[in-house]
């Protein structure tokens, strides 16, 4: 809603909530210097990466929250494995706004300003930005064929998603949005 924000997707060692412990969940660390995420009291967000592990029941009258393990408790979480950041333009088009250096998107030659037209033959027209972004969470080894418009010319590229955040070990890439 507020545009791209400087953040870093990484993993934390573990996260314990009541009797439950998650191993190496995803976390978004925020580095924004302005806007909603520019706060000295906010270091990052575990959000959906943590809560999708639970069936959550809110007991509003008693002001209580109950958690049960979901069937996918501590399963690997889907995330963008290409290193591309997309944004919705004022006229509803999806545009590439950032590429992680050294990422599969960088290797495929994507560039800031590219307009996305289709992914694996599926038009992005009429799809929500969240739906299209989820297409970039394809597993490592899958191939994504993109049709783009760059400087008014049609361009096709293929991206090979990779595990940028291994289940064990250090973070592989650092995201630095363009512009």
N, C-alpha and C. Protein backbone atom coordinates (compact mmCIF):
# COMPACT_ATOMS: atom_id res chain seq x y z
N UNK A 1 0.81 -1.19 0.00
CA UNK A 1 0.00 0.00 0.00
C UNK A 1 0.85 1.25 0.00
N UNK A 2 2.01 1.20 0.65
CA UNK A 2 2.85 2.38 0.73
C UNK A 2 4.05 2.30 -0.18
N UNK A 3 4.11 1.31 -1.08
CA UNK A 3 5.25 1.16 -1.96
C UNK A 3 6.30 0.24 -1.37
N UNK A 4 7.41 0.14 -2.06
CA UNK A 4 8.48 -0.75 -1.63
C UNK A 4 9.14 -0.21 -0.37
N UNK A 5 9.51 -1.10 0.52
CA UNK A 5 10.20 -0.73 1.76
C UNK A 5 11.50 -1.49 1.83
N UNK A 6 12.53 -0.84 2.34
CA UNK A 6 13.83 -1.50 2.47
C UNK A 6 13.73 -2.54 3.57
N UNK A 7 13.89 -3.80 3.21
CA UNK A 7 13.84 -4.87 4.19
C UNK A 7 14.70 -6.02 3.71
N UNK A 8 14.93 -6.94 4.61
CA UNK A 8 15.77 -8.10 4.34
C UNK A 8 15.04 -9.33 4.82
N UNK A 9 14.81 -10.28 3.94
CA UNK A 9 14.20 -11.55 4.33
C UNK A 9 15.32 -12.46 4.78
N UNK A 10 15.19 -13.00 5.96
CA UNK A 10 16.22 -13.87 6.52
C UNK A 10 15.56 -14.92 7.40
N UNK A 11 16.34 -15.67 8.12
CA UNK A 11 15.84 -16.65 9.08
C UNK A 11 16.41 -16.31 10.45
N UNK A 12 15.62 -16.56 11.48
CA UNK A 12 16.12 -16.45 12.85
C UNK A 12 16.38 -17.87 13.33
N UNK A 13 17.23 -18.01 14.35
CA UNK A 13 17.60 -19.33 14.83
C UNK A 13 16.42 -20.17 15.25
N UNK A 14 15.56 -19.62 16.08
CA UNK A 14 14.34 -20.29 16.50
C UNK A 14 13.40 -19.25 17.08
N UNK A 15 12.15 -19.62 17.22
CA UNK A 15 11.15 -18.73 17.79
C UNK A 15 10.23 -19.57 18.65
N UNK A 16 10.09 -19.18 19.91
CA UNK A 16 9.24 -19.92 20.84
C UNK A 16 8.04 -19.06 21.22
N UNK A 17 6.87 -19.65 21.11
CA UNK A 17 5.63 -19.00 21.48
C UNK A 17 4.87 -19.99 22.36
N UNK A 18 4.81 -19.70 23.65
CA UNK A 18 4.20 -20.63 24.60
C UNK A 18 4.96 -21.95 24.56
N UNK A 19 4.26 -23.07 24.40
CA UNK A 19 4.94 -24.37 24.40
C UNK A 19 5.50 -24.78 23.02
N UNK A 20 5.35 -23.91 22.03
CA UNK A 20 5.73 -24.25 20.66
C UNK A 20 7.03 -23.57 20.26
N UNK A 21 7.91 -24.31 19.59
CA UNK A 21 9.16 -23.74 19.08
C UNK A 21 9.27 -24.05 17.59
N UNK A 22 9.53 -23.01 16.81
CA UNK A 22 9.75 -23.15 15.37
C UNK A 22 11.24 -23.08 15.08
N UNK A 23 11.71 -23.93 14.19
CA UNK A 23 13.12 -23.94 13.80
C UNK A 23 13.33 -23.07 12.58
N UNK A 24 14.19 -22.07 12.71
CA UNK A 24 14.62 -21.21 11.61
C UNK A 24 13.47 -20.62 10.80
N UNK A 25 12.48 -19.98 11.45
CA UNK A 25 11.40 -19.35 10.68
C UNK A 25 11.89 -18.13 9.92
N UNK A 26 11.16 -17.78 8.87
CA UNK A 26 11.48 -16.58 8.10
C UNK A 26 11.11 -15.34 8.91
N UNK A 27 11.90 -14.30 8.72
CA UNK A 27 11.64 -13.01 9.35
C UNK A 27 12.03 -11.92 8.37
N UNK A 28 11.25 -10.85 8.34
CA UNK A 28 11.59 -9.69 7.52
C UNK A 28 12.15 -8.62 8.45
N UNK A 29 13.40 -8.23 8.22
CA UNK A 29 14.03 -7.18 9.01
C UNK A 29 13.89 -5.87 8.25
N UNK A 30 13.42 -4.84 8.94
CA UNK A 30 13.11 -3.57 8.28
C UNK A 30 14.24 -2.57 8.43
N UNK A 31 14.54 -1.87 7.32
CA UNK A 31 15.58 -0.85 7.30
C UNK A 31 15.07 0.47 6.74
N UNK A 32 13.76 0.66 6.77
CA UNK A 32 13.16 1.86 6.21
C UNK A 32 13.57 3.09 7.00
N UNK A 33 13.85 4.18 6.29
CA UNK A 33 14.20 5.44 6.95
C UNK A 33 13.03 6.42 6.94
N UNK A 34 11.94 6.05 6.25
CA UNK A 34 10.73 6.87 6.27
C UNK A 34 9.54 5.95 6.04
N UNK A 35 8.35 6.44 6.36
CA UNK A 35 7.15 5.66 6.16
C UNK A 35 6.76 4.83 7.37
N UNK A 36 5.79 3.94 7.16
CA UNK A 36 5.20 3.17 8.25
C UNK A 36 6.19 2.25 8.96
N UNK A 37 7.19 1.76 8.25
CA UNK A 37 8.12 0.82 8.86
C UNK A 37 9.38 1.49 9.39
N UNK A 38 9.45 2.81 9.34
CA UNK A 38 10.59 3.55 9.88
C UNK A 38 10.32 3.83 11.35
N UNK A 39 10.77 2.93 12.20
CA UNK A 39 10.48 3.03 13.62
C UNK A 39 11.65 2.50 14.42
N UNK A 40 11.99 3.20 15.47
CA UNK A 40 13.04 2.69 16.36
C UNK A 40 12.51 1.55 17.22
N UNK A 41 11.19 1.38 17.28
CA UNK A 41 10.59 0.31 18.07
C UNK A 41 10.24 -0.92 17.26
N UNK A 42 10.52 -0.92 15.96
CA UNK A 42 10.18 -2.04 15.08
C UNK A 42 11.45 -2.50 14.37
N UNK A 43 11.87 -3.71 14.66
CA UNK A 43 13.07 -4.23 14.02
C UNK A 43 12.73 -5.15 12.85
N UNK A 44 11.56 -5.75 12.89
CA UNK A 44 11.20 -6.68 11.83
C UNK A 44 9.82 -7.25 12.04
N UNK A 45 9.50 -8.28 11.24
CA UNK A 45 8.18 -8.85 11.24
C UNK A 45 8.28 -10.36 11.07
N UNK A 46 7.71 -11.09 12.00
CA UNK A 46 7.60 -12.55 11.86
C UNK A 46 6.26 -12.92 11.24
N UNK A 47 5.23 -12.15 11.53
CA UNK A 47 3.91 -12.23 10.94
C UNK A 47 3.45 -13.57 10.42
N UNK A 48 3.02 -13.58 9.16
CA UNK A 48 2.42 -14.78 8.59
C UNK A 48 3.39 -15.95 8.54
N UNK A 49 4.69 -15.68 8.48
CA UNK A 49 5.66 -16.77 8.45
C UNK A 49 5.57 -17.60 9.72
N UNK A 50 5.21 -16.99 10.84
CA UNK A 50 5.05 -17.71 12.10
C UNK A 50 3.63 -18.21 12.25
N UNK A 51 2.65 -17.34 12.05
CA UNK A 51 1.27 -17.70 12.36
C UNK A 51 0.64 -18.70 11.42
N UNK A 52 1.22 -18.94 10.25
CA UNK A 52 0.67 -19.98 9.39
C UNK A 52 0.94 -21.37 9.94
N UNK A 53 1.76 -21.46 10.98
CA UNK A 53 2.04 -22.73 11.64
C UNK A 53 0.96 -23.13 12.64
N UNK A 54 -0.02 -22.27 12.83
CA UNK A 54 -1.00 -22.49 13.89
C UNK A 54 -2.43 -22.36 13.39
N UNK A 55 -3.32 -23.04 14.09
CA UNK A 55 -4.75 -22.77 14.02
C UNK A 55 -4.99 -21.83 15.20
N UNK A 56 -5.47 -20.63 14.90
CA UNK A 56 -5.59 -19.58 15.92
C UNK A 56 -7.07 -19.36 16.25
N UNK A 57 -7.36 -19.35 17.54
CA UNK A 57 -8.71 -19.05 18.00
C UNK A 57 -8.64 -17.82 18.89
N UNK A 58 -9.41 -16.79 18.53
CA UNK A 58 -9.50 -15.57 19.34
C UNK A 58 -10.75 -15.66 20.21
N UNK A 59 -10.57 -15.53 21.49
CA UNK A 59 -11.69 -15.48 22.43
C UNK A 59 -11.80 -14.03 22.88
N UNK A 60 -12.56 -13.24 22.12
CA UNK A 60 -12.65 -11.81 22.38
C UNK A 60 -13.25 -11.47 23.74
N UNK A 61 -14.36 -12.11 24.13
CA UNK A 61 -14.93 -11.74 25.44
C UNK A 61 -13.95 -11.93 26.61
N UNK A 62 -13.15 -12.99 26.54
CA UNK A 62 -12.20 -13.26 27.63
C UNK A 62 -10.80 -12.74 27.33
N UNK A 63 -10.67 -12.06 26.18
CA UNK A 63 -9.37 -11.50 25.78
C UNK A 63 -8.26 -12.56 25.82
N UNK A 64 -8.53 -13.65 25.14
CA UNK A 64 -7.58 -14.77 25.13
C UNK A 64 -7.31 -15.21 23.69
N UNK A 65 -6.16 -15.78 23.50
CA UNK A 65 -5.74 -16.32 22.21
C UNK A 65 -5.31 -17.76 22.43
N UNK A 66 -5.83 -18.67 21.62
CA UNK A 66 -5.47 -20.08 21.74
C UNK A 66 -4.78 -20.52 20.46
N UNK A 67 -3.69 -21.25 20.60
CA UNK A 67 -2.93 -21.75 19.46
C UNK A 67 -2.90 -23.27 19.48
N UNK A 68 -3.09 -23.86 18.31
CA UNK A 68 -2.89 -25.29 18.10
C UNK A 68 -1.96 -25.42 16.91
N UNK A 69 -1.17 -26.48 16.89
CA UNK A 69 -0.33 -26.72 15.72
C UNK A 69 -1.21 -26.96 14.51
N UNK A 70 -0.84 -26.35 13.38
CA UNK A 70 -1.54 -26.64 12.13
C UNK A 70 -0.95 -27.91 11.55
N UNK A 71 -1.60 -28.50 10.56
CA UNK A 71 -1.03 -29.71 9.93
C UNK A 71 0.35 -29.46 9.32
N UNK A 72 0.66 -28.21 8.98
CA UNK A 72 1.95 -27.87 8.36
C UNK A 72 2.93 -27.27 9.35
N UNK A 73 2.76 -27.54 10.62
CA UNK A 73 3.63 -26.94 11.65
C UNK A 73 5.10 -27.18 11.33
N UNK A 74 5.87 -26.11 11.31
CA UNK A 74 7.33 -26.11 11.09
C UNK A 74 7.74 -26.63 9.71
N UNK A 75 6.80 -26.64 8.77
CA UNK A 75 7.13 -27.03 7.39
C UNK A 75 7.80 -25.84 6.70
N UNK A 76 8.60 -26.08 5.68
CA UNK A 76 9.22 -24.97 4.94
C UNK A 76 8.16 -24.01 4.41
N UNK A 77 8.47 -22.71 4.48
CA UNK A 77 7.55 -21.67 4.06
C UNK A 77 7.90 -21.22 2.65
N UNK A 78 6.86 -20.98 1.85
CA UNK A 78 7.08 -20.46 0.49
C UNK A 78 7.57 -19.03 0.56
N UNK A 79 8.51 -18.69 -0.28
CA UNK A 79 8.98 -17.31 -0.39
C UNK A 79 9.51 -17.11 -1.80
N UNK A 80 9.68 -15.87 -2.19
CA UNK A 80 10.18 -15.52 -3.51
C UNK A 80 11.62 -16.02 -3.66
N UNK A 81 11.82 -16.97 -4.56
CA UNK A 81 13.15 -17.56 -4.77
C UNK A 81 13.84 -17.00 -6.02
N UNK A 82 13.38 -15.85 -6.50
CA UNK A 82 13.97 -15.30 -7.72
C UNK A 82 14.79 -14.05 -7.48
N UNK A 83 14.50 -13.31 -6.40
CA UNK A 83 15.22 -12.07 -6.14
C UNK A 83 14.65 -10.86 -6.85
N UNK A 84 13.41 -10.94 -7.31
CA UNK A 84 12.77 -9.80 -7.98
C UNK A 84 11.70 -9.21 -7.06
N UNK A 85 11.60 -7.89 -7.05
CA UNK A 85 10.55 -7.20 -6.30
C UNK A 85 9.67 -6.47 -7.30
N UNK A 86 8.37 -6.76 -7.24
CA UNK A 86 7.40 -6.16 -8.15
C UNK A 86 6.54 -5.15 -7.41
N UNK A 87 6.04 -4.16 -8.13
CA UNK A 87 5.12 -3.19 -7.56
C UNK A 87 4.03 -2.91 -8.58
N UNK A 88 2.87 -2.52 -8.08
CA UNK A 88 1.74 -2.17 -8.91
C UNK A 88 1.83 -0.69 -9.27
N UNK A 89 1.73 -0.37 -10.56
CA UNK A 89 1.76 1.03 -10.99
C UNK A 89 0.37 1.64 -10.83
N UNK A 90 0.28 2.95 -11.02
CA UNK A 90 -1.00 3.65 -10.90
C UNK A 90 -2.04 3.14 -11.90
N UNK A 91 -1.58 2.64 -13.05
CA UNK A 91 -2.53 2.14 -14.05
C UNK A 91 -2.76 0.63 -13.95
N UNK A 92 -2.28 0.00 -12.86
CA UNK A 92 -2.55 -1.42 -12.63
C UNK A 92 -1.56 -2.39 -13.23
N UNK A 93 -0.48 -1.91 -13.83
CA UNK A 93 0.54 -2.80 -14.39
C UNK A 93 1.51 -3.22 -13.28
N UNK A 94 2.16 -4.36 -13.47
CA UNK A 94 3.19 -4.81 -12.53
C UNK A 94 4.55 -4.48 -13.11
N UNK A 95 5.36 -3.77 -12.34
CA UNK A 95 6.67 -3.33 -12.79
C UNK A 95 7.74 -3.86 -11.85
N UNK A 96 8.88 -4.22 -12.40
CA UNK A 96 10.03 -4.64 -11.60
C UNK A 96 10.63 -3.38 -10.98
N UNK A 97 10.72 -3.36 -9.65
CA UNK A 97 11.28 -2.18 -8.97
C UNK A 97 12.64 -2.47 -8.35
N UNK A 98 12.98 -3.73 -8.13
CA UNK A 98 14.28 -4.05 -7.54
C UNK A 98 14.67 -5.48 -7.89
N UNK A 99 15.98 -5.68 -7.96
CA UNK A 99 16.56 -6.99 -8.21
C UNK A 99 17.66 -7.19 -7.19
N UNK A 100 17.66 -8.33 -6.51
CA UNK A 100 18.76 -8.64 -5.59
C UNK A 100 20.02 -8.94 -6.41
N UNK A 101 21.12 -8.27 -6.11
CA UNK A 101 22.36 -8.58 -6.81
C UNK A 101 22.74 -10.05 -6.61
N UNK A 102 23.16 -10.71 -7.68
CA UNK A 102 23.57 -12.11 -7.60
C UNK A 102 22.43 -13.10 -7.56
N UNK A 103 21.20 -12.63 -7.69
CA UNK A 103 20.03 -13.51 -7.61
C UNK A 103 19.73 -14.14 -8.96
N UNK A 104 18.82 -15.14 -9.00
CA UNK A 104 18.39 -15.71 -10.27
C UNK A 104 17.80 -14.65 -11.21
N UNK A 105 17.07 -13.66 -10.66
CA UNK A 105 16.50 -12.60 -11.50
C UNK A 105 17.61 -11.76 -12.13
N UNK A 106 18.66 -11.48 -11.37
CA UNK A 106 19.79 -10.72 -11.92
C UNK A 106 20.48 -11.53 -13.00
N UNK A 107 20.67 -12.82 -12.76
CA UNK A 107 21.32 -13.70 -13.75
C UNK A 107 20.50 -13.79 -15.03
N UNK A 108 19.17 -13.70 -14.91
CA UNK A 108 18.29 -13.77 -16.08
C UNK A 108 18.23 -12.46 -16.84
N UNK A 109 18.77 -11.39 -16.26
CA UNK A 109 18.80 -10.11 -16.95
C UNK A 109 17.62 -9.20 -16.70
N UNK A 110 16.80 -9.48 -15.69
CA UNK A 110 15.71 -8.56 -15.38
C UNK A 110 16.28 -7.22 -14.97
N UNK A 111 15.50 -6.16 -15.20
CA UNK A 111 15.96 -4.81 -14.88
C UNK A 111 14.81 -4.01 -14.28
N UNK A 112 15.17 -3.09 -13.40
CA UNK A 112 14.17 -2.18 -12.84
C UNK A 112 13.50 -1.45 -14.00
N UNK A 113 12.19 -1.34 -13.92
CA UNK A 113 11.42 -0.69 -14.98
C UNK A 113 10.77 -1.66 -15.95
N UNK A 114 11.20 -2.93 -15.96
CA UNK A 114 10.56 -3.92 -16.82
C UNK A 114 9.09 -4.07 -16.42
N UNK A 115 8.20 -4.09 -17.40
CA UNK A 115 6.78 -4.33 -17.14
C UNK A 115 6.49 -5.81 -17.36
N UNK A 116 5.91 -6.46 -16.36
CA UNK A 116 5.62 -7.88 -16.44
C UNK A 116 4.29 -8.10 -17.15
N UNK A 117 4.30 -8.96 -18.17
CA UNK A 117 3.09 -9.26 -18.93
C UNK A 117 2.56 -10.66 -18.64
N UNK A 118 3.47 -11.66 -18.53
CA UNK A 118 3.01 -13.02 -18.25
C UNK A 118 4.12 -13.83 -17.58
N UNK A 119 3.68 -14.86 -16.87
CA UNK A 119 4.59 -15.81 -16.21
C UNK A 119 4.16 -17.20 -16.65
N UNK A 120 5.06 -17.95 -17.28
CA UNK A 120 4.76 -19.29 -17.80
C UNK A 120 3.48 -19.30 -18.63
N UNK A 121 3.33 -18.26 -19.47
CA UNK A 121 2.18 -18.18 -20.36
C UNK A 121 0.90 -17.67 -19.71
N UNK A 122 0.91 -17.44 -18.40
CA UNK A 122 -0.27 -16.93 -17.69
C UNK A 122 -0.19 -15.41 -17.63
N UNK A 123 -1.17 -14.76 -18.19
CA UNK A 123 -1.21 -13.30 -18.19
C UNK A 123 -1.35 -12.77 -16.77
N UNK A 124 -0.64 -11.69 -16.47
CA UNK A 124 -0.77 -11.07 -15.15
C UNK A 124 -1.95 -10.12 -15.11
N UNK A 125 -2.51 -9.80 -16.28
CA UNK A 125 -3.66 -8.91 -16.35
C UNK A 125 -4.85 -9.50 -15.60
N UNK A 126 -5.43 -8.72 -14.71
CA UNK A 126 -6.58 -9.18 -13.94
C UNK A 126 -6.23 -9.95 -12.69
N UNK A 127 -4.96 -10.30 -12.52
CA UNK A 127 -4.53 -11.02 -11.31
C UNK A 127 -4.12 -10.00 -10.25
N UNK A 128 -4.29 -10.37 -8.98
CA UNK A 128 -3.85 -9.48 -7.92
C UNK A 128 -2.32 -9.51 -7.83
N UNK A 129 -1.74 -8.45 -7.31
CA UNK A 129 -0.29 -8.40 -7.14
C UNK A 129 0.18 -9.53 -6.23
N UNK A 130 -0.63 -9.88 -5.22
CA UNK A 130 -0.26 -10.96 -4.30
C UNK A 130 -0.25 -12.31 -5.01
N UNK A 131 -1.21 -12.54 -5.90
CA UNK A 131 -1.26 -13.79 -6.65
C UNK A 131 -0.02 -13.92 -7.53
N UNK A 132 0.30 -12.87 -8.26
CA UNK A 132 1.46 -12.90 -9.15
C UNK A 132 2.74 -13.06 -8.34
N UNK A 133 2.85 -12.35 -7.23
CA UNK A 133 4.05 -12.47 -6.39
C UNK A 133 4.23 -13.91 -5.92
N UNK A 134 3.13 -14.61 -5.66
CA UNK A 134 3.21 -16.00 -5.21
C UNK A 134 3.77 -16.91 -6.30
N UNK A 135 3.59 -16.54 -7.58
CA UNK A 135 4.15 -17.34 -8.66
C UNK A 135 5.68 -17.36 -8.59
N UNK A 136 6.27 -16.34 -7.98
CA UNK A 136 7.73 -16.26 -7.87
C UNK A 136 8.25 -17.05 -6.67
N UNK A 137 7.36 -17.73 -5.97
CA UNK A 137 7.75 -18.60 -4.86
C UNK A 137 7.86 -20.05 -5.34
N UNK A 138 8.09 -20.20 -6.62
CA UNK A 138 8.24 -21.55 -7.19
C UNK A 138 9.43 -22.24 -6.53
N UNK A 139 9.37 -23.56 -6.42
CA UNK A 139 10.48 -24.27 -5.79
C UNK A 139 11.78 -24.17 -6.60
N UNK A 140 12.88 -24.33 -5.90
CA UNK A 140 14.18 -24.35 -6.58
C UNK A 140 14.15 -25.46 -7.62
N UNK A 141 14.70 -25.17 -8.78
CA UNK A 141 14.72 -26.15 -9.86
C UNK A 141 13.60 -25.95 -10.87
N UNK A 142 12.54 -25.25 -10.48
CA UNK A 142 11.47 -24.95 -11.44
C UNK A 142 11.99 -23.87 -12.40
N UNK A 143 11.34 -23.68 -13.50
CA UNK A 143 11.72 -22.63 -14.44
C UNK A 143 10.53 -21.70 -14.63
N UNK A 144 10.82 -20.41 -14.58
CA UNK A 144 9.79 -19.40 -14.82
C UNK A 144 10.12 -18.66 -16.10
N UNK A 145 9.19 -18.69 -17.03
CA UNK A 145 9.33 -18.00 -18.31
C UNK A 145 8.53 -16.71 -18.22
N UNK A 146 9.22 -15.55 -18.35
CA UNK A 146 8.57 -14.26 -18.21
C UNK A 146 8.52 -13.54 -19.55
N UNK A 147 7.38 -12.93 -19.82
CA UNK A 147 7.25 -12.01 -20.95
C UNK A 147 7.16 -10.62 -20.36
N UNK A 148 8.02 -9.73 -20.85
CA UNK A 148 8.16 -8.38 -20.31
C UNK A 148 8.08 -7.35 -21.42
N UNK A 149 7.92 -6.11 -21.02
CA UNK A 149 8.10 -4.99 -21.94
C UNK A 149 9.18 -4.11 -21.32
N UNK A 150 10.26 -3.90 -22.10
CA UNK A 150 11.39 -3.07 -21.65
C UNK A 150 11.61 -1.98 -22.69
N UNK A 151 11.47 -0.74 -22.25
CA UNK A 151 11.67 0.41 -23.15
C UNK A 151 10.83 0.26 -24.41
N UNK A 152 9.58 -0.21 -24.24
CA UNK A 152 8.66 -0.33 -25.36
C UNK A 152 8.82 -1.57 -26.22
N UNK A 153 9.79 -2.43 -25.92
CA UNK A 153 10.03 -3.63 -26.72
C UNK A 153 9.73 -4.89 -25.92
N UNK A 154 9.18 -5.90 -26.59
CA UNK A 154 8.89 -7.19 -25.95
C UNK A 154 10.20 -7.92 -25.67
N UNK A 155 10.31 -8.46 -24.47
CA UNK A 155 11.50 -9.21 -24.05
C UNK A 155 11.02 -10.47 -23.32
N UNK A 156 11.67 -11.59 -23.57
CA UNK A 156 11.37 -12.83 -22.85
C UNK A 156 12.62 -13.27 -22.11
N UNK A 157 12.46 -13.69 -20.86
CA UNK A 157 13.56 -14.20 -20.06
C UNK A 157 13.09 -15.44 -19.31
N UNK A 158 14.05 -16.26 -18.90
CA UNK A 158 13.76 -17.44 -18.09
C UNK A 158 14.55 -17.33 -16.79
N UNK A 159 13.85 -17.55 -15.68
CA UNK A 159 14.47 -17.50 -14.36
C UNK A 159 14.43 -18.90 -13.76
N UNK A 160 15.54 -19.31 -13.16
CA UNK A 160 15.61 -20.58 -12.43
C UNK A 160 15.61 -20.27 -10.94
N UNK A 161 14.45 -20.34 -10.26
CA UNK A 161 14.41 -20.07 -8.83
C UNK A 161 15.42 -20.93 -8.07
N UNK A 162 15.97 -20.35 -6.99
CA UNK A 162 16.98 -21.04 -6.18
C UNK A 162 16.65 -20.85 -4.70
N UNK A 163 17.14 -21.73 -3.87
CA UNK A 163 16.95 -21.58 -2.42
C UNK A 163 17.89 -20.50 -1.92
N UNK A 164 17.37 -19.29 -1.83
CA UNK A 164 18.15 -18.13 -1.41
C UNK A 164 18.32 -18.09 0.10
N UNK A 165 17.41 -18.73 0.82
CA UNK A 165 17.45 -18.78 2.28
C UNK A 165 17.48 -20.24 2.70
N UNK A 166 18.65 -20.85 2.73
CA UNK A 166 18.70 -22.28 3.05
C UNK A 166 18.12 -22.56 4.43
N UNK A 167 17.56 -23.74 4.58
CA UNK A 167 16.96 -24.15 5.86
C UNK A 167 18.01 -24.09 6.97
N UNK A 168 19.23 -24.41 6.65
CA UNK A 168 20.35 -24.31 7.59
C UNK A 168 21.43 -23.46 6.94
N UNK A 169 22.17 -22.72 7.72
CA UNK A 169 23.26 -21.94 7.17
C UNK A 169 22.91 -20.47 7.03
N UNK A 170 23.86 -19.69 6.53
CA UNK A 170 23.70 -18.24 6.48
C UNK A 170 22.83 -17.78 5.32
N UNK A 171 22.41 -16.54 5.42
CA UNK A 171 21.66 -15.89 4.36
C UNK A 171 22.54 -15.76 3.12
N UNK A 172 21.96 -16.00 1.94
CA UNK A 172 22.73 -15.97 0.71
C UNK A 172 22.80 -14.59 0.05
N UNK A 173 21.73 -13.81 0.13
CA UNK A 173 21.66 -12.55 -0.60
C UNK A 173 21.17 -11.43 0.30
N UNK A 174 21.52 -10.22 -0.06
CA UNK A 174 21.03 -9.03 0.62
C UNK A 174 20.23 -8.23 -0.38
N UNK A 175 19.00 -7.85 -0.02
CA UNK A 175 18.13 -7.07 -0.92
C UNK A 175 18.40 -5.59 -0.76
N UNK A 176 18.65 -4.92 -1.86
CA UNK A 176 18.84 -3.46 -1.86
C UNK A 176 18.00 -2.90 -2.99
N UNK A 177 16.77 -2.39 -2.68
CA UNK A 177 15.91 -1.88 -3.74
C UNK A 177 16.54 -0.74 -4.52
N UNK A 178 16.25 -0.70 -5.83
CA UNK A 178 16.72 0.40 -6.67
C UNK A 178 15.86 1.62 -6.40
N UNK A 179 16.43 2.82 -6.64
CA UNK A 179 15.67 4.06 -6.60
C UNK A 179 15.21 4.48 -5.31
